[in-house]
C-alpha cells in the first residue's frame, strides 16, 4: 500500500531552520501535486505550500519568503525548507500527495494520501 512517510520535525528557537521530508512509498505509477499543510492547536488545517509535478509552487502568505518547497521526482519525495521560524509556525505539519496508484482495486486512479504528521515547535 502507498504511504507517505514524513521526517524532520523538531524543536527549534525563533529564527532557526528545519527541513521536512516526505517520501511516497509503495506501488506508485506517478505523482501529481504534492504539498504541506499544518494544523496548530485549536486551528483549522491550512495549506502551507504546494508544488505541481512540473515545479510550479504556491505558498501561504504567512510563509512567503521564509519557506521553500521542492521535490525530487525520481525519489517521489517532497521537501519543505523552513527558515526564519517564528513561534506562530508551531504546528503539526502534514504531507499530502495526489498520485496514481491501484491501492484499492485493480484500476489505476488518481488518489489522495496524507502523511502521519510531524511536530514543529518554535520556542525560546
N, C-alpha and C. Protein backbone atom coordinates (compact mmCIF):
# COMPACT_ATOMS: atom_id res chain seq x y z
N UNK A 1 0.84 -1.19 0.00
CA UNK A 1 0.00 0.00 0.00
C UNK A 1 0.87 1.25 0.00
N UNK A 2 0.38 2.28 -0.61
CA UNK A 2 1.11 3.53 -0.66
C UNK A 2 1.05 4.21 0.70
N UNK A 3 2.18 4.73 1.13
CA UNK A 3 2.26 5.50 2.35
C UNK A 3 3.13 6.73 2.12
N UNK A 4 2.80 7.80 2.82
CA UNK A 4 3.65 8.98 2.85
C UNK A 4 4.34 9.00 4.21
N UNK A 5 5.65 9.00 4.20
CA UNK A 5 6.43 8.93 5.41
C UNK A 5 7.17 10.24 5.60
N UNK A 6 6.87 10.93 6.71
CA UNK A 6 7.44 12.23 6.99
C UNK A 6 8.57 12.14 8.00
N UNK A 7 9.48 13.10 7.92
CA UNK A 7 10.54 13.23 8.90
C UNK A 7 11.02 14.67 8.92
N UNK A 8 11.77 15.02 9.96
CA UNK A 8 12.44 16.30 10.01
C UNK A 8 11.92 17.30 11.01
N UNK A 9 10.81 17.02 11.65
CA UNK A 9 10.28 17.95 12.63
C UNK A 9 11.14 17.98 13.88
N UNK A 10 10.84 18.95 14.73
CA UNK A 10 11.58 19.06 15.97
C UNK A 10 11.36 20.39 16.65
N UNK A 11 12.17 20.63 17.66
CA UNK A 11 12.14 21.86 18.44
C UNK A 11 13.26 22.78 17.98
N UNK A 12 12.91 24.02 17.70
CA UNK A 12 13.89 24.98 17.22
C UNK A 12 13.58 26.35 17.82
N UNK A 13 14.62 27.16 18.00
CA UNK A 13 14.44 28.51 18.52
C UNK A 13 13.94 29.45 17.43
N UNK A 14 13.28 30.53 17.81
CA UNK A 14 12.89 31.53 16.82
C UNK A 14 14.08 31.97 15.98
N UNK A 15 13.85 32.09 14.69
CA UNK A 15 14.92 32.42 13.77
C UNK A 15 15.67 31.23 13.21
N UNK A 16 15.42 30.07 13.76
CA UNK A 16 16.09 28.87 13.31
C UNK A 16 15.47 28.26 12.08
N UNK A 17 16.00 27.10 11.69
CA UNK A 17 15.58 26.44 10.47
C UNK A 17 15.37 24.95 10.69
N UNK A 18 14.52 24.39 9.87
CA UNK A 18 14.29 22.96 9.80
C UNK A 18 14.06 22.58 8.35
N UNK A 19 14.28 21.32 8.05
CA UNK A 19 13.89 20.80 6.74
C UNK A 19 13.05 19.55 6.93
N UNK A 20 11.86 19.58 6.38
CA UNK A 20 10.95 18.45 6.43
C UNK A 20 11.05 17.66 5.13
N UNK A 21 10.94 16.35 5.26
CA UNK A 21 10.95 15.47 4.10
C UNK A 21 9.72 14.58 4.13
N UNK A 22 9.24 14.22 2.96
CA UNK A 22 8.11 13.32 2.84
C UNK A 22 8.32 12.46 1.61
N UNK A 23 8.41 11.16 1.82
CA UNK A 23 8.61 10.22 0.73
C UNK A 23 7.35 9.39 0.52
N UNK A 24 6.91 9.30 -0.71
CA UNK A 24 5.80 8.43 -1.07
C UNK A 24 6.36 7.05 -1.40
N UNK A 25 5.91 6.06 -0.65
CA UNK A 25 6.43 4.70 -0.78
C UNK A 25 5.33 3.76 -1.21
N UNK A 26 5.70 2.74 -1.96
CA UNK A 26 4.76 1.73 -2.41
C UNK A 26 4.67 1.66 -3.91
N UNK A 27 3.60 1.03 -4.37
CA UNK A 27 3.39 0.86 -5.80
C UNK A 27 2.74 2.12 -6.37
N UNK A 28 3.57 2.97 -6.92
CA UNK A 28 3.15 4.27 -7.41
C UNK A 28 3.46 4.36 -8.90
N UNK A 29 2.48 4.75 -9.65
CA UNK A 29 2.68 4.90 -11.08
C UNK A 29 3.24 6.28 -11.42
N UNK A 30 2.72 7.31 -10.78
CA UNK A 30 3.25 8.65 -10.92
C UNK A 30 2.67 9.52 -9.83
N UNK A 31 3.35 10.61 -9.54
CA UNK A 31 2.93 11.54 -8.50
C UNK A 31 2.58 12.87 -9.15
N UNK A 32 1.41 13.37 -8.84
CA UNK A 32 0.99 14.66 -9.38
C UNK A 32 1.42 15.75 -8.39
N UNK A 33 0.48 16.50 -7.86
CA UNK A 33 0.83 17.56 -6.94
C UNK A 33 1.20 17.01 -5.57
N UNK A 34 2.10 17.70 -4.89
CA UNK A 34 2.45 17.40 -3.51
C UNK A 34 2.42 18.70 -2.72
N UNK A 35 2.21 18.59 -1.43
CA UNK A 35 2.16 19.79 -0.64
C UNK A 35 2.31 19.53 0.84
N UNK A 36 2.39 20.63 1.56
CA UNK A 36 2.49 20.61 3.01
C UNK A 36 1.36 21.43 3.60
N UNK A 37 0.72 20.86 4.60
CA UNK A 37 -0.31 21.53 5.37
C UNK A 37 0.15 21.56 6.83
N UNK A 38 -0.45 22.45 7.60
CA UNK A 38 -0.16 22.46 9.02
C UNK A 38 -1.42 22.73 9.81
N UNK A 39 -1.40 22.26 11.04
CA UNK A 39 -2.53 22.46 11.93
C UNK A 39 -2.01 22.76 13.33
N UNK A 40 -2.31 23.95 13.80
CA UNK A 40 -1.96 24.36 15.14
C UNK A 40 -3.11 24.02 16.08
N UNK A 41 -2.83 23.91 17.38
CA UNK A 41 -3.90 23.59 18.34
C UNK A 41 -5.07 24.56 18.24
N UNK A 42 -6.27 24.02 18.13
CA UNK A 42 -7.46 24.84 18.05
C UNK A 42 -7.70 25.51 16.72
N UNK A 43 -6.88 25.22 15.73
CA UNK A 43 -6.99 25.87 14.43
C UNK A 43 -7.31 24.85 13.34
N UNK A 44 -7.83 25.36 12.23
CA UNK A 44 -8.08 24.51 11.08
C UNK A 44 -6.77 24.19 10.37
N UNK A 45 -6.77 23.06 9.69
CA UNK A 45 -5.63 22.72 8.87
C UNK A 45 -5.56 23.67 7.68
N UNK A 46 -4.37 24.17 7.39
CA UNK A 46 -4.20 25.12 6.32
C UNK A 46 -3.08 24.70 5.39
N UNK A 47 -3.22 25.08 4.14
CA UNK A 47 -2.17 24.83 3.16
C UNK A 47 -1.00 25.75 3.43
N UNK A 48 0.19 25.18 3.51
CA UNK A 48 1.41 25.95 3.68
C UNK A 48 2.09 26.18 2.35
N UNK A 49 2.27 25.12 1.59
CA UNK A 49 2.94 25.21 0.30
C UNK A 49 2.55 24.02 -0.55
N UNK A 50 2.54 24.21 -1.85
CA UNK A 50 2.22 23.14 -2.78
C UNK A 50 3.13 23.24 -3.98
N UNK A 51 3.38 22.10 -4.60
CA UNK A 51 4.23 22.08 -5.77
C UNK A 51 3.65 21.09 -6.78
N UNK A 52 3.50 21.54 -8.00
CA UNK A 52 2.99 20.71 -9.07
C UNK A 52 4.10 19.82 -9.62
N UNK A 53 3.70 18.84 -10.40
CA UNK A 53 4.67 17.91 -10.94
C UNK A 53 5.71 18.60 -11.81
N UNK A 54 5.31 19.68 -12.47
CA UNK A 54 6.22 20.43 -13.30
C UNK A 54 7.06 21.45 -12.57
N UNK A 55 6.82 21.63 -11.27
CA UNK A 55 7.64 22.52 -10.47
C UNK A 55 7.01 23.83 -10.06
N UNK A 56 5.83 24.15 -10.56
CA UNK A 56 5.17 25.38 -10.12
C UNK A 56 4.81 25.29 -8.65
N UNK A 57 4.97 26.39 -7.93
CA UNK A 57 4.77 26.40 -6.49
C UNK A 57 3.75 27.44 -6.06
N UNK A 58 3.19 27.21 -4.88
CA UNK A 58 2.26 28.15 -4.28
C UNK A 58 2.50 28.12 -2.78
N UNK A 59 2.43 29.30 -2.14
CA UNK A 59 2.71 29.42 -0.72
C UNK A 59 1.62 30.22 -0.03
N UNK A 60 1.39 29.89 1.22
CA UNK A 60 0.57 30.74 2.06
C UNK A 60 1.28 32.06 2.28
N UNK A 61 0.51 33.14 2.36
CA UNK A 61 1.11 34.45 2.54
C UNK A 61 2.00 34.52 3.79
N UNK A 62 1.62 33.80 4.82
CA UNK A 62 2.34 33.86 6.08
C UNK A 62 3.74 33.26 6.01
N UNK A 63 4.03 32.48 4.99
CA UNK A 63 5.34 31.82 4.91
C UNK A 63 6.14 32.25 3.69
N UNK A 64 5.59 33.08 2.84
CA UNK A 64 6.31 33.52 1.66
C UNK A 64 7.61 34.21 2.04
N UNK A 65 8.66 33.84 1.36
CA UNK A 65 9.97 34.40 1.64
C UNK A 65 10.73 33.68 2.73
N UNK A 66 10.06 32.80 3.47
CA UNK A 66 10.72 32.08 4.55
C UNK A 66 10.80 30.58 4.29
N UNK A 67 9.76 30.02 3.68
CA UNK A 67 9.72 28.59 3.42
C UNK A 67 9.91 28.33 1.93
N UNK A 68 10.49 27.19 1.62
CA UNK A 68 10.69 26.78 0.24
C UNK A 68 10.30 25.33 0.07
N UNK A 69 9.42 25.06 -0.88
CA UNK A 69 9.03 23.70 -1.18
C UNK A 69 9.77 23.24 -2.43
N UNK A 70 10.18 21.99 -2.43
CA UNK A 70 10.86 21.41 -3.57
C UNK A 70 10.52 19.93 -3.65
N UNK A 71 10.89 19.30 -4.74
CA UNK A 71 10.60 17.88 -4.88
C UNK A 71 11.67 17.20 -5.72
N UNK A 72 11.80 15.91 -5.49
CA UNK A 72 12.67 15.05 -6.26
C UNK A 72 11.77 13.99 -6.87
N UNK A 73 11.45 14.15 -8.13
CA UNK A 73 10.50 13.24 -8.76
C UNK A 73 11.04 11.81 -8.86
N UNK A 74 12.34 11.67 -9.00
CA UNK A 74 12.92 10.34 -9.09
C UNK A 74 12.76 9.57 -7.79
N UNK A 75 12.66 10.28 -6.67
CA UNK A 75 12.52 9.66 -5.36
C UNK A 75 11.10 9.77 -4.81
N UNK A 76 10.20 10.36 -5.56
CA UNK A 76 8.83 10.60 -5.09
C UNK A 76 8.82 11.26 -3.72
N UNK A 77 9.65 12.27 -3.59
CA UNK A 77 9.86 12.93 -2.32
C UNK A 77 9.64 14.43 -2.44
N UNK A 78 9.01 15.01 -1.45
CA UNK A 78 8.82 16.44 -1.37
C UNK A 78 9.48 16.94 -0.09
N UNK A 79 10.02 18.16 -0.16
CA UNK A 79 10.73 18.76 0.96
C UNK A 79 10.12 20.11 1.28
N UNK A 80 10.27 20.51 2.51
CA UNK A 80 9.91 21.86 2.91
C UNK A 80 11.04 22.42 3.77
N UNK A 81 11.70 23.44 3.25
CA UNK A 81 12.73 24.14 4.00
C UNK A 81 12.09 25.29 4.75
N UNK A 82 12.20 25.27 6.06
CA UNK A 82 11.60 26.28 6.91
C UNK A 82 12.71 27.13 7.50
N UNK A 83 12.78 28.38 7.09
CA UNK A 83 13.77 29.31 7.60
C UNK A 83 13.09 30.44 8.37
N UNK A 84 13.89 31.14 9.15
CA UNK A 84 13.40 32.29 9.92
C UNK A 84 12.13 31.94 10.68
N UNK A 85 12.18 30.84 11.37
CA UNK A 85 10.98 30.33 12.03
C UNK A 85 10.50 31.25 13.15
N UNK A 86 9.20 31.31 13.27
CA UNK A 86 8.53 32.12 14.28
C UNK A 86 7.69 31.22 15.17
N UNK A 87 7.40 31.66 16.39
CA UNK A 87 6.54 30.85 17.26
C UNK A 87 5.21 30.49 16.63
N UNK A 88 4.65 31.37 15.82
CA UNK A 88 3.38 31.09 15.20
C UNK A 88 3.46 30.01 14.12
N UNK A 89 4.66 29.57 13.77
CA UNK A 89 4.82 28.44 12.86
C UNK A 89 4.64 27.10 13.57
N UNK A 90 4.54 27.13 14.88
CA UNK A 90 4.37 25.90 15.64
C UNK A 90 3.08 25.19 15.24
N UNK A 91 3.20 23.94 14.84
CA UNK A 91 2.05 23.17 14.37
C UNK A 91 2.51 21.77 14.04
N UNK A 92 1.55 20.90 13.81
CA UNK A 92 1.83 19.62 13.19
C UNK A 92 1.77 19.83 11.69
N UNK A 93 2.82 19.43 11.02
CA UNK A 93 2.92 19.60 9.57
C UNK A 93 2.63 18.26 8.89
N UNK A 94 1.71 18.30 7.94
CA UNK A 94 1.27 17.11 7.24
C UNK A 94 1.63 17.19 5.76
N UNK A 95 2.20 16.13 5.28
CA UNK A 95 2.47 15.99 3.86
C UNK A 95 1.23 15.48 3.14
N UNK A 96 1.03 15.94 1.92
CA UNK A 96 -0.09 15.48 1.11
C UNK A 96 0.39 15.23 -0.31
N UNK A 97 -0.18 14.22 -0.94
CA UNK A 97 0.16 13.94 -2.33
C UNK A 97 -1.06 13.45 -3.08
N UNK A 98 -1.18 13.91 -4.30
CA UNK A 98 -2.12 13.35 -5.27
C UNK A 98 -1.29 12.48 -6.22
N UNK A 99 -1.59 11.20 -6.26
CA UNK A 99 -0.78 10.31 -7.07
C UNK A 99 -1.62 9.20 -7.66
N UNK A 100 -1.04 8.55 -8.66
CA UNK A 100 -1.71 7.46 -9.34
C UNK A 100 -1.27 6.14 -8.74
N UNK A 101 -2.24 5.37 -8.27
CA UNK A 101 -1.98 4.06 -7.69
C UNK A 101 -3.16 3.15 -7.94
N UNK A 102 -2.98 1.88 -7.61
CA UNK A 102 -4.06 0.90 -7.69
C UNK A 102 -4.29 0.27 -6.32
N UNK A 103 -4.23 1.08 -5.29
CA UNK A 103 -4.29 0.58 -3.91
C UNK A 103 -5.56 -0.19 -3.59
N UNK A 104 -6.69 0.28 -4.06
CA UNK A 104 -7.97 -0.24 -3.57
C UNK A 104 -8.73 -1.09 -4.58
N UNK A 105 -8.21 -1.24 -5.76
CA UNK A 105 -8.78 -2.11 -6.78
C UNK A 105 -7.71 -2.36 -7.83
N UNK A 106 -8.13 -2.93 -8.93
CA UNK A 106 -7.17 -3.24 -9.99
C UNK A 106 -7.14 -2.16 -11.06
N UNK A 107 -7.61 -0.98 -10.71
CA UNK A 107 -7.64 0.14 -11.63
C UNK A 107 -6.71 1.23 -11.12
N UNK A 108 -5.90 1.75 -12.00
CA UNK A 108 -5.02 2.85 -11.65
C UNK A 108 -5.81 4.15 -11.69
N UNK A 109 -5.89 4.81 -10.56
CA UNK A 109 -6.63 6.06 -10.46
C UNK A 109 -5.82 7.09 -9.68
N UNK A 110 -6.20 8.33 -9.84
CA UNK A 110 -5.62 9.41 -9.05
C UNK A 110 -6.24 9.36 -7.66
N UNK A 111 -5.39 9.28 -6.65
CA UNK A 111 -5.84 9.19 -5.26
C UNK A 111 -5.04 10.14 -4.39
N UNK A 112 -5.64 10.53 -3.28
CA UNK A 112 -5.01 11.44 -2.34
C UNK A 112 -4.51 10.68 -1.12
N UNK A 113 -3.34 11.08 -0.63
CA UNK A 113 -2.74 10.46 0.54
C UNK A 113 -2.21 11.52 1.48
N UNK A 114 -2.23 11.19 2.77
CA UNK A 114 -1.71 12.06 3.81
C UNK A 114 -0.60 11.38 4.58
N UNK A 115 0.40 12.15 4.95
CA UNK A 115 1.41 11.66 5.86
C UNK A 115 0.90 11.63 7.28
N UNK A 116 1.72 11.08 8.16
CA UNK A 116 1.29 10.91 9.55
C UNK A 116 1.40 12.19 10.38
N UNK A 117 2.07 13.18 9.86
CA UNK A 117 2.28 14.43 10.57
C UNK A 117 3.59 14.44 11.34
N UNK A 118 4.23 15.59 11.37
CA UNK A 118 5.45 15.76 12.14
C UNK A 118 5.36 17.09 12.88
N UNK A 119 5.73 17.07 14.15
CA UNK A 119 5.59 18.25 15.00
C UNK A 119 6.74 19.21 14.78
N UNK A 120 6.40 20.46 14.55
CA UNK A 120 7.37 21.55 14.52
C UNK A 120 7.03 22.50 15.66
N UNK A 121 7.97 22.70 16.55
CA UNK A 121 7.78 23.59 17.68
C UNK A 121 8.85 24.66 17.66
N UNK A 122 8.43 25.91 17.66
CA UNK A 122 9.34 27.05 17.64
C UNK A 122 9.18 27.78 18.96
N UNK A 123 10.20 27.72 19.79
CA UNK A 123 10.11 28.28 21.13
C UNK A 123 11.50 28.60 21.64
N UNK A 124 11.60 29.67 22.42
CA UNK A 124 12.84 30.03 23.06
C UNK A 124 12.92 29.50 24.48
